[in-house]
Structure formats: structure tokens, C-alpha cells
């Protein structure tokens, strides 16, 4: 599954939960503890640009870990 689709799906997978809860697996997989969005927000409060920034941060972290 492409990363963007997975992040959005995981974010919305738990109704009425914050991003911190919905993205827990993705954050653990990518070894990220901090992201460029407020993890206390609910998924519906983010814009498309926020999701793009979030995915870009995950990709940068993965690339840094691979080096």
C-alpha cells in the first residue's frame, strides 16, 4: 500500500481518536516519535497539505535511517 494511503487509512481507522493513537503503528515502524503536525488533533482536522507533510517527514526519517 502506498504510504500516503496507509497514513490516511490508519489515521481514520479509530473513530473519535487522535492522530497519536491512529498513527502509532506507522510511527513505530518508521522510528519516529515526533511529526510536523499536532498529534493531539483528530484526523478530520488536518488538511491535505498536512497529510503530505506528514508523509514527507516519514520518508525523510526512513531515508536517514537507511544511510
N, C-alpha and C. Protein backbone atom coordinates (compact mmCIF):
# COMPACT_ATOMS: atom_id res chain seq x y z
N UNK A 1 0.86 -1.18 0.00
CA UNK A 1 0.00 0.00 0.00
C UNK A 1 0.90 1.23 0.00
N UNK A 2 0.64 2.17 -0.88
CA UNK A 2 1.43 3.41 -0.86
C UNK A 2 1.33 4.10 0.50
N UNK A 3 2.40 4.76 0.87
CA UNK A 3 2.49 5.36 2.20
C UNK A 3 1.36 6.34 2.48
N UNK A 4 1.06 7.22 1.53
CA UNK A 4 0.01 8.22 1.76
C UNK A 4 -1.32 7.54 2.09
N UNK A 5 -1.67 6.54 1.30
CA UNK A 5 -2.93 5.83 1.53
C UNK A 5 -2.93 5.16 2.90
N UNK A 6 -1.82 4.57 3.27
CA UNK A 6 -1.73 3.89 4.56
C UNK A 6 -1.86 4.87 5.72
N UNK A 7 -1.20 6.01 5.62
CA UNK A 7 -1.26 7.01 6.69
C UNK A 7 -2.69 7.50 6.87
N UNK A 8 -3.35 7.83 5.77
CA UNK A 8 -4.73 8.32 5.86
C UNK A 8 -5.65 7.23 6.40
N UNK A 9 -5.50 6.02 5.91
CA UNK A 9 -6.34 4.92 6.38
C UNK A 9 -6.13 4.68 7.88
N UNK A 10 -4.87 4.62 8.31
CA UNK A 10 -4.59 4.39 9.72
C UNK A 10 -5.10 5.54 10.59
N UNK A 11 -4.94 6.76 10.10
CA UNK A 11 -5.38 7.93 10.87
C UNK A 11 -6.89 7.87 11.14
N UNK A 12 -7.64 7.42 10.15
CA UNK A 12 -9.10 7.39 10.29
C UNK A 12 -9.62 6.04 10.78
N UNK A 13 -8.74 5.10 11.06
CA UNK A 13 -9.18 3.74 11.41
C UNK A 13 -9.85 3.65 12.78
N UNK A 14 -9.51 4.54 13.67
CA UNK A 14 -10.11 4.51 15.01
C UNK A 14 -10.98 5.74 15.19
N UNK A 15 -12.26 5.53 15.16
CA UNK A 15 -13.20 6.64 15.26
C UNK A 15 -13.01 7.42 16.55
N UNK A 16 -13.08 8.73 16.41
CA UNK A 16 -13.02 9.65 17.55
C UNK A 16 -11.70 9.58 18.32
N UNK A 17 -10.66 9.12 17.68
CA UNK A 17 -9.35 9.05 18.32
C UNK A 17 -8.43 10.11 17.71
N UNK A 18 -7.37 10.41 18.42
CA UNK A 18 -6.41 11.39 17.94
C UNK A 18 -5.42 10.73 16.98
N UNK A 19 -4.66 11.56 16.30
CA UNK A 19 -3.63 11.04 15.40
C UNK A 19 -2.61 10.20 16.15
N UNK A 20 -2.31 10.59 17.38
CA UNK A 20 -1.33 9.85 18.18
C UNK A 20 -1.73 8.38 18.28
N UNK A 21 -3.00 8.12 18.47
CA UNK A 21 -3.48 6.74 18.58
C UNK A 21 -3.57 6.06 17.21
N UNK A 22 -4.07 6.78 16.24
CA UNK A 22 -4.28 6.19 14.92
C UNK A 22 -3.00 5.89 14.17
N UNK A 23 -1.97 6.69 14.41
CA UNK A 23 -0.72 6.53 13.66
C UNK A 23 0.38 5.83 14.46
N UNK A 24 0.02 5.25 15.56
CA UNK A 24 1.00 4.61 16.44
C UNK A 24 1.85 3.56 15.72
N UNK A 25 1.21 2.69 14.94
CA UNK A 25 1.94 1.63 14.23
C UNK A 25 2.90 2.20 13.20
N UNK A 26 2.44 3.17 12.43
CA UNK A 26 3.28 3.77 11.39
C UNK A 26 4.47 4.47 12.03
N UNK A 27 4.23 5.18 13.12
CA UNK A 27 5.31 5.89 13.79
C UNK A 27 6.34 4.91 14.35
N UNK A 28 5.89 3.79 14.89
CA UNK A 28 6.82 2.79 15.40
C UNK A 28 7.62 2.16 14.26
N UNK A 29 6.95 1.86 13.17
CA UNK A 29 7.61 1.24 12.03
C UNK A 29 8.70 2.14 11.45
N UNK A 30 8.44 3.43 11.39
CA UNK A 30 9.39 4.37 10.82
C UNK A 30 10.35 4.94 11.87
N UNK A 31 10.18 4.55 13.11
CA UNK A 31 11.06 5.02 14.17
C UNK A 31 10.96 6.51 14.43
N UNK A 32 9.74 7.02 14.35
CA UNK A 32 9.50 8.45 14.51
C UNK A 32 8.74 8.67 15.81
N UNK A 33 9.18 9.64 16.59
CA UNK A 33 8.43 9.97 17.80
C UNK A 33 7.78 11.34 17.70
N UNK A 34 8.22 12.13 16.73
CA UNK A 34 7.68 13.48 16.56
C UNK A 34 7.39 13.72 15.09
N UNK A 35 6.27 14.32 14.80
CA UNK A 35 5.88 14.61 13.43
C UNK A 35 5.52 16.08 13.30
N UNK A 36 5.51 16.62 12.07
CA UNK A 36 5.26 18.05 11.88
C UNK A 36 3.79 18.46 11.98
N UNK A 37 3.00 17.67 12.68
CA UNK A 37 1.60 18.01 12.93
C UNK A 37 1.31 17.77 14.40
N UNK A 38 0.28 18.40 14.90
CA UNK A 38 -0.14 18.21 16.28
C UNK A 38 -0.82 16.85 16.40
N UNK A 39 -0.17 15.92 17.08
CA UNK A 39 -0.70 14.57 17.21
C UNK A 39 -1.91 14.49 18.13
N UNK A 40 -2.24 15.59 18.78
CA UNK A 40 -3.42 15.64 19.62
C UNK A 40 -4.69 15.95 18.83
N UNK A 41 -4.53 16.26 17.55
CA UNK A 41 -5.69 16.55 16.70
C UNK A 41 -6.35 15.27 16.23
N UNK A 42 -7.58 15.41 15.82
CA UNK A 42 -8.28 14.29 15.19
C UNK A 42 -8.00 14.33 13.69
N UNK A 43 -8.03 13.19 13.02
CA UNK A 43 -7.68 13.14 11.60
C UNK A 43 -8.46 14.10 10.71
N UNK A 44 -9.71 14.32 11.04
CA UNK A 44 -10.53 15.20 10.19
C UNK A 44 -10.13 16.66 10.29
N UNK A 45 -9.29 17.01 11.26
CA UNK A 45 -8.85 18.39 11.43
C UNK A 45 -7.63 18.74 10.59
N UNK A 46 -7.03 17.76 9.93
CA UNK A 46 -5.85 18.02 9.10
C UNK A 46 -6.26 18.30 7.66
N UNK A 47 -5.47 19.14 7.02
CA UNK A 47 -5.69 19.42 5.60
C UNK A 47 -4.92 18.39 4.77
N UNK A 48 -5.17 18.40 3.49
CA UNK A 48 -4.44 17.53 2.58
C UNK A 48 -2.94 17.84 2.67
N UNK A 49 -2.60 19.11 2.74
CA UNK A 49 -1.20 19.52 2.85
C UNK A 49 -0.56 18.97 4.13
N UNK A 50 -1.31 18.92 5.22
CA UNK A 50 -0.80 18.36 6.47
C UNK A 50 -0.44 16.89 6.29
N UNK A 51 -1.30 16.15 5.60
CA UNK A 51 -1.02 14.73 5.37
C UNK A 51 0.20 14.55 4.46
N UNK A 52 0.34 15.41 3.47
CA UNK A 52 1.52 15.35 2.59
C UNK A 52 2.78 15.63 3.41
N UNK A 53 2.76 16.65 4.26
CA UNK A 53 3.91 16.97 5.11
C UNK A 53 4.24 15.82 6.05
N UNK A 54 3.22 15.21 6.59
CA UNK A 54 3.40 14.08 7.49
C UNK A 54 4.10 12.92 6.76
N UNK A 55 3.64 12.60 5.57
CA UNK A 55 4.25 11.52 4.79
C UNK A 55 5.68 11.86 4.39
N UNK A 56 5.92 13.11 4.03
CA UNK A 56 7.28 13.53 3.68
C UNK A 56 8.22 13.38 4.87
N UNK A 57 7.74 13.69 6.06
CA UNK A 57 8.56 13.54 7.26
C UNK A 57 8.89 12.07 7.50
N UNK A 58 7.92 11.19 7.28
CA UNK A 58 8.17 9.76 7.44
C UNK A 58 9.20 9.27 6.42
N UNK A 59 9.09 9.73 5.19
CA UNK A 59 10.02 9.33 4.13
C UNK A 59 11.43 9.82 4.46
N UNK A 60 11.55 11.06 4.92
CA UNK A 60 12.87 11.60 5.29
C UNK A 60 13.49 10.80 6.42
N UNK A 61 12.68 10.43 7.40
CA UNK A 61 13.19 9.65 8.53
C UNK A 61 13.66 8.28 8.06
N UNK A 62 12.89 7.66 7.21
CA UNK A 62 13.26 6.33 6.68
C UNK A 62 14.56 6.42 5.89
N UNK A 63 14.71 7.46 5.07
CA UNK A 63 15.93 7.64 4.28
C UNK A 63 17.13 7.86 5.19
N UNK A 64 16.95 8.64 6.24
CA UNK A 64 18.04 8.90 7.18
C UNK A 64 18.45 7.62 7.90
N UNK A 65 17.47 6.79 8.24
CA UNK A 65 17.77 5.53 8.92
C UNK A 65 18.48 4.54 8.01
N UNK A 66 18.19 4.60 6.72
CA UNK A 66 18.78 3.67 5.76
C UNK A 66 20.23 4.00 5.43
N UNK A 67 20.67 5.20 5.76
CA UNK A 67 22.05 5.59 5.42
C UNK A 67 23.02 5.17 6.48
